[in-house]
Protein backbone atom coordinates (compact mmCIF):
# COMPACT_ATOMS: atom_id res chain seq x y z
CA UNK A 1 -26.45 -35.72 17.04
CA UNK A 2 -26.76 -39.34 15.81
CA UNK A 3 -30.49 -38.85 15.25
CA UNK A 4 -29.80 -35.71 13.20
CA UNK A 5 -27.31 -37.55 10.99
CA UNK A 6 -29.80 -40.40 10.54
CA UNK A 7 -32.52 -38.01 9.37
CA UNK A 8 -30.13 -36.28 6.98
CA UNK A 9 -29.03 -39.65 5.67
CA UNK A 10 -32.63 -40.71 4.87
CA UNK A 11 -33.33 -37.41 3.13
CA UNK A 12 -30.15 -37.72 1.08
CA UNK A 13 -31.43 -40.96 -0.49
CA UNK A 14 -34.14 -38.98 -2.31
CA UNK A 15 -32.10 -36.14 -3.81
CA UNK A 16 -28.65 -34.56 -3.98
CA UNK A 17 -27.79 -32.74 -0.79
CA UNK A 18 -24.84 -30.41 -0.28
CA UNK A 19 -24.31 -28.00 2.59
CA UNK A 20 -21.83 -25.15 2.93
CA UNK A 21 -19.64 -25.84 5.95
CA UNK A 22 -17.43 -22.74 5.86
CA UNK A 23 -15.81 -20.27 3.49
CA UNK A 24 -12.33 -18.74 3.75
CA UNK A 25 -11.37 -15.84 1.45
CA UNK A 26 -7.67 -14.92 1.63
CA UNK A 27 -6.39 -11.83 -0.20
CA UNK A 28 -2.74 -10.90 -0.66
CA UNK A 29 -2.36 -7.32 -1.89
CA UNK A 30 0.49 -6.28 -4.18
CA UNK A 31 2.31 -2.98 -4.38
CA UNK A 32 0.91 -2.24 -7.86
CA UNK A 33 -2.68 -2.43 -6.59
CA UNK A 34 -3.39 -5.94 -7.84
CA UNK A 35 -4.12 -8.90 -5.57
CA UNK A 36 -3.83 -12.69 -5.43
CA UNK A 37 -7.02 -14.27 -4.08
CA UNK A 38 -7.60 -17.79 -2.78
CA UNK A 39 -11.08 -18.93 -1.76
CA UNK A 40 -11.61 -22.24 0.04
CA UNK A 41 -15.20 -23.47 0.04
CA UNK A 42 -15.71 -26.41 2.41
CA UNK A 43 -18.86 -28.46 1.81
CA UNK A 44 -20.65 -31.36 3.48
CA UNK A 45 -21.90 -34.04 1.10
CA UNK A 46 -24.82 -36.26 2.15
CA UNK A 47 -25.59 -39.60 0.48
CA UNK A 48 -24.16 -41.80 -2.24
CA UNK A 49 -25.89 -39.90 -5.04
CA UNK A 50 -24.43 -36.57 -3.89
CA UNK A 51 -21.02 -38.17 -3.45
CA UNK A 52 -21.11 -39.47 -7.02
CA UNK A 53 -22.19 -36.07 -8.31
CA UNK A 54 -19.28 -34.42 -6.52
CA UNK A 55 -16.74 -36.91 -7.83
CA UNK A 56 -18.11 -36.59 -11.37
CA UNK A 57 -17.20 -32.90 -11.19
CA UNK A 58 -13.47 -33.34 -10.59
CA UNK A 59 -12.79 -32.19 -14.14
CA UNK A 60 -15.15 -29.22 -13.97
CA UNK A 61 -13.04 -26.09 -13.93
CA UNK A 62 -15.69 -23.37 -13.84
CA UNK A 63 -17.73 -21.97 -10.98
CA UNK A 64 -21.11 -22.15 -12.74
CA UNK A 65 -20.83 -25.95 -13.06
CA UNK A 66 -20.13 -26.34 -9.35
CA UNK A 67 -23.03 -24.06 -8.47
CA UNK A 68 -25.29 -26.31 -10.56
CA UNK A 69 -23.95 -29.49 -8.92
CA UNK A 70 -24.16 -28.29 -5.32
CA UNK A 71 -26.82 -25.54 -5.49
CA UNK A 72 -24.56 -23.49 -3.18
CA UNK A 73 -24.67 -19.81 -4.19
CA UNK A 74 -21.47 -18.97 -2.29
CA UNK A 75 -19.39 -20.91 -4.83
CA UNK A 76 -18.36 -17.77 -6.69
CA UNK A 77 -15.67 -15.09 -6.68
CA UNK A 78 -16.24 -12.71 -3.78
CA UNK A 79 -14.58 -9.86 -5.67
CA UNK A 80 -17.24 -8.14 -7.80
CA UNK A 81 -16.65 -7.79 -11.55
CA UNK A 82 -18.14 -4.27 -11.52
CA UNK A 83 -15.17 -2.95 -9.57
CA UNK A 84 -12.30 -5.34 -10.28
CA UNK A 85 -10.92 -7.26 -13.23
CA UNK A 86 -10.70 -10.90 -12.10
CA UNK A 87 -8.31 -12.97 -14.21
CA UNK A 88 -6.87 -16.48 -14.44
CA UNK A 89 -9.61 -18.17 -12.40
CA UNK A 90 -8.62 -21.73 -11.52
CA UNK A 91 -11.07 -24.11 -9.79
CA UNK A 92 -9.49 -27.05 -7.91
CA UNK A 93 -11.94 -29.52 -6.30
CA UNK A 94 -10.28 -31.63 -3.61
CA UNK A 95 -10.91 -35.35 -2.94
CA UNK A 96 -13.73 -36.22 -0.57
CA UNK A 97 -12.99 -37.24 3.01
CA UNK A 98 -15.35 -39.79 4.60
CA UNK A 99 -17.05 -38.80 7.83
CA UNK A 100 -16.15 -40.83 10.93
CA UNK A 101 -19.85 -41.03 11.85
CA UNK A 102 -20.26 -44.25 9.87
CA UNK A 103 -23.03 -42.73 7.73
CA UNK A 104 -22.86 -41.75 4.07
CA UNK A 105 -21.47 -38.30 4.81
CA UNK A 106 -18.35 -36.82 3.21
CA UNK A 107 -16.41 -33.56 3.44
CA UNK A 108 -15.23 -31.82 0.29
CA UNK A 109 -13.35 -28.66 -0.53
CA UNK A 110 -13.32 -26.48 -3.64
CA UNK A 111 -10.35 -24.12 -3.97
CA UNK A 112 -10.66 -21.11 -6.26
CA UNK A 113 -7.54 -19.12 -7.17
CA UNK A 114 -7.50 -15.92 -9.22
CA UNK A 115 -5.95 -12.48 -9.59
CA UNK A 116 -7.78 -9.18 -9.18
CA UNK A 117 -6.72 -6.00 -10.99
CA UNK A 118 -8.16 -2.51 -11.37
CA UNK A 119 -9.68 -1.63 -14.73
CA UNK A 120 -7.70 0.63 -17.05
CA UNK A 121 -8.91 3.26 -19.52
CA UNK A 122 -7.72 3.57 -23.13
CA UNK A 123 -4.76 5.70 -22.01
CA UNK A 124 -3.52 3.01 -19.64
CA UNK A 125 -4.57 4.88 -16.49
CA UNK A 126 -6.47 3.19 -13.66
CA UNK A 127 -10.22 3.70 -14.07
CA UNK A 128 -11.78 5.69 -11.25
CA UNK A 129 -12.78 3.75 -8.11
CA UNK A 130 -11.78 0.33 -9.49
CA UNK A 131 -9.54 -2.35 -8.04
CA UNK A 132 -9.31 -3.62 -4.47
CA UNK A 133 -7.41 -0.54 -3.34
CA UNK A 134 -7.45 3.12 -4.33
CA UNK A 135 -3.90 4.45 -4.70
CA UNK A 136 -2.90 8.05 -3.96
CA UNK A 137 0.66 9.41 -4.31
CA UNK A 138 -0.09 12.08 -1.77
CA UNK A 139 3.51 13.02 -1.05
CA UNK A 140 6.95 12.40 -2.63
CA UNK A 141 7.95 8.71 -2.68
CA UNK A 142 4.91 7.72 -0.58
CA UNK A 143 1.72 6.04 -1.81
CA UNK A 144 -1.42 5.72 0.29
CA UNK A 145 -3.60 2.65 -0.33
CA UNK A 146 -7.26 2.71 0.72
CA UNK A 147 -9.32 -0.48 0.59
CA UNK A 148 -12.15 -0.27 -1.96
CA UNK A 149 -14.96 -1.73 0.14
CA UNK A 150 -17.33 -1.68 -2.85
CA UNK A 151 -15.25 -4.30 -4.66
CA UNK A 152 -16.45 -7.12 -2.39
CA UNK A 153 -19.50 -9.26 -3.20
CA UNK A 154 -20.31 -10.70 0.22
CA UNK A 155 -23.80 -10.55 1.71
CA UNK A 156 -24.75 -7.08 2.91
CA UNK A 157 -27.11 -5.53 5.41
CA UNK A 158 -29.91 -3.14 4.45
CA UNK A 159 -27.52 -0.26 5.09
CA UNK A 160 -24.93 -1.73 2.71
CA UNK A 161 -22.41 -3.05 5.24
CA UNK A 162 -20.66 -6.37 4.58
CA UNK A 163 -22.13 -9.14 6.75
CA UNK A 164 -19.88 -12.11 7.54
CA UNK A 165 -21.62 -15.01 9.27
CA UNK A 166 -19.93 -17.49 11.60
CA UNK A 167 -18.95 -19.73 8.70
CA UNK A 168 -17.20 -17.01 6.66
CA UNK A 169 -13.68 -15.68 7.22
CA UNK A 170 -12.09 -12.82 5.29
CA UNK A 171 -8.34 -12.31 5.59
CA UNK A 172 -6.32 -9.52 3.95
CA UNK A 173 -2.53 -9.23 3.88
CA UNK A 174 -1.00 -5.91 2.71
CA UNK A 175 2.46 -5.95 1.05
CA UNK A 176 5.30 -6.80 3.42
CA UNK A 177 6.77 -3.27 3.21
CA UNK A 178 3.47 -1.57 4.05
CA UNK A 179 2.75 0.49 7.16
CA UNK A 180 -0.86 0.08 8.31
CA UNK A 181 -2.42 3.35 9.52
CA UNK A 182 -6.16 2.57 9.80
CA UNK A 183 -8.13 -0.65 10.39
CA UNK A 184 -11.86 -0.89 11.12
CA UNK A 185 -13.32 -2.96 12.66
CA UNK A 186 -10.26 -3.70 14.77
CA UNK A 187 -9.46 -7.41 14.66
CA UNK A 188 -9.08 -9.32 17.93
CA UNK A 189 -5.35 -9.90 17.43
CA UNK A 190 -4.80 -6.15 16.89
CA UNK A 191 -6.66 -4.90 19.96
CA UNK A 192 -3.39 -3.87 21.63
CA UNK A 193 -1.56 -2.71 18.51
CA UNK A 194 -0.60 0.94 18.17
CA UNK A 195 -0.88 2.52 14.73
CA UNK A 196 0.92 2.96 12.42
CA UNK A 197 1.83 -0.73 12.53
CA UNK A 198 3.91 -3.04 10.29
CA UNK A 199 2.12 -5.20 7.75
CA UNK A 200 0.37 -8.33 8.99
CA UNK A 201 -2.54 -10.58 8.05
CA UNK A 202 -5.89 -9.17 9.19
CA UNK A 203 -8.88 -11.51 9.72
CA UNK A 204 -12.60 -10.93 10.22
CA UNK A 205 -15.29 -13.55 10.84
CA UNK A 206 -18.83 -13.69 12.21
CA UNK A 207 -19.53 -9.96 12.34
CA UNK A 208 -20.89 -7.04 10.36
CA UNK A 209 -18.12 -4.85 8.95
CA UNK A 210 -19.55 -1.43 9.83
CA UNK A 211 -17.55 1.38 8.19
CA UNK A 212 -15.16 -1.26 6.87
CA UNK A 213 -11.78 0.33 6.16
CA UNK A 214 -8.12 -0.48 5.74
CA UNK A 215 -5.51 2.15 4.93
CA UNK A 216 -1.79 1.59 4.60
CA UNK A 217 1.21 3.42 3.13
CA UNK A 218 4.31 2.34 1.25
CA UNK A 219 7.33 4.64 1.10
CA UNK A 220 9.51 4.09 -1.92
CA UNK A 221 13.27 4.10 -1.39
CA UNK A 222 15.29 6.85 -3.08
CA UNK A 223 17.22 4.29 -5.16
CA UNK A 224 13.98 2.76 -6.43
CA UNK A 225 12.57 6.20 -7.25
CA UNK A 226 15.66 7.05 -9.36
CA UNK A 227 15.46 3.73 -11.22
CA UNK A 228 11.75 4.23 -11.78
CA UNK A 229 12.39 7.74 -13.15
CA UNK A 230 14.90 6.54 -15.73
CA UNK A 231 12.72 3.57 -16.64
CA UNK A 232 9.75 5.87 -17.27
CA UNK A 233 12.00 8.23 -19.25
CA UNK A 234 13.25 5.35 -21.40
CA UNK A 235 9.69 4.18 -22.08
CA UNK A 236 8.65 7.73 -22.94
CA UNK A 237 11.52 8.07 -25.45
CA UNK A 238 10.63 4.73 -27.03
CA UNK A 239 6.98 5.72 -27.28
CA UNK A 240 7.91 9.05 -28.87
CA UNK A 241 10.23 7.41 -31.41
CA UNK A 242 7.62 4.81 -32.38
CA UNK A 243 4.94 7.45 -33.00
CA UNK A 244 4.38 8.92 -36.53
CA UNK A 245 6.05 12.16 -35.44
CA UNK A 246 9.02 10.25 -34.03
CA UNK A 247 9.47 8.21 -37.21
CA UNK A 248 9.38 11.41 -39.27
CA UNK A 249 12.04 12.96 -37.05
CA UNK A 250 14.26 9.88 -37.45
CA UNK A 251 13.82 10.05 -41.24
CA UNK A 252 14.85 13.72 -41.28
CA UNK A 253 17.93 12.99 -39.16
CA UNK A 254 18.94 10.13 -41.48
CA UNK A 255 18.51 12.32 -44.58
CA UNK A 256 20.58 15.12 -43.05
CA UNK A 257 23.29 12.64 -41.99
CA UNK A 258 23.39 11.13 -45.48
CA UNK A 259 23.63 14.58 -47.07
CA UNK A 260 26.45 15.58 -44.70
CA UNK A 261 28.56 12.50 -45.49
CA UNK A 262 27.83 12.85 -49.23
CA UNK A 263 29.10 16.43 -49.21
CA UNK A 264 32.22 15.40 -47.25
CA UNK A 265 33.01 12.64 -49.70
CA UNK A 266 32.32 14.78 -52.81
CA UNK A 267 34.93 17.37 -51.73
CA UNK A 268 37.76 14.82 -51.74
């Protein structure tokens, strides 16, 4: 091991050298179909020149700059823009930690936070097959959520399956009130779980996600459904009144009201 570090140290004197140590992608799904995503990219930095390059990038807040500095292609969002609307991307490089080997080797971490939403059409409806989950109100007060496997931009096999190597971990947490009905591949900590099961964090690492799927359901309470109904009704009334037809109707009502009071007053 010492000989390996010595060789790497000598090579690092000639050019910048960064190596991906591991990648953790954590996704927290929301009831509206959006998600909060945190990606932690851990890197190994070899040599003084590479260390200085890393530290000069502390103020760089975009992924392209860090790709240029490190030449690590995995410094990106692993939710594809073709299927999800990624917003509010924040890049937070962490201070370097010196290796205990005694050589010029450091450990760094780049944290990337962002939100992922489905795309919406001009009518405000969710565009077909977009977002991290596909939502289906398949029965009263119950919504089924199916993971949109196409939305991920990890490496894939020739058959199109997501391939996670030993250095990559994907974790997904459905909403706390969700009931999980299908998971594939089954994670190690769920091998003895009977479905449907309460929400929990699911993790995959070092395997090919063949027929990757996650399905869960959320049943809306009756009180929430009633409140939602009246909220939608209120918004519908407001939208109708603010339209040209609604404004015309208001004008007619005001004219009729004015005429009525004028006639009442003129008879006195």
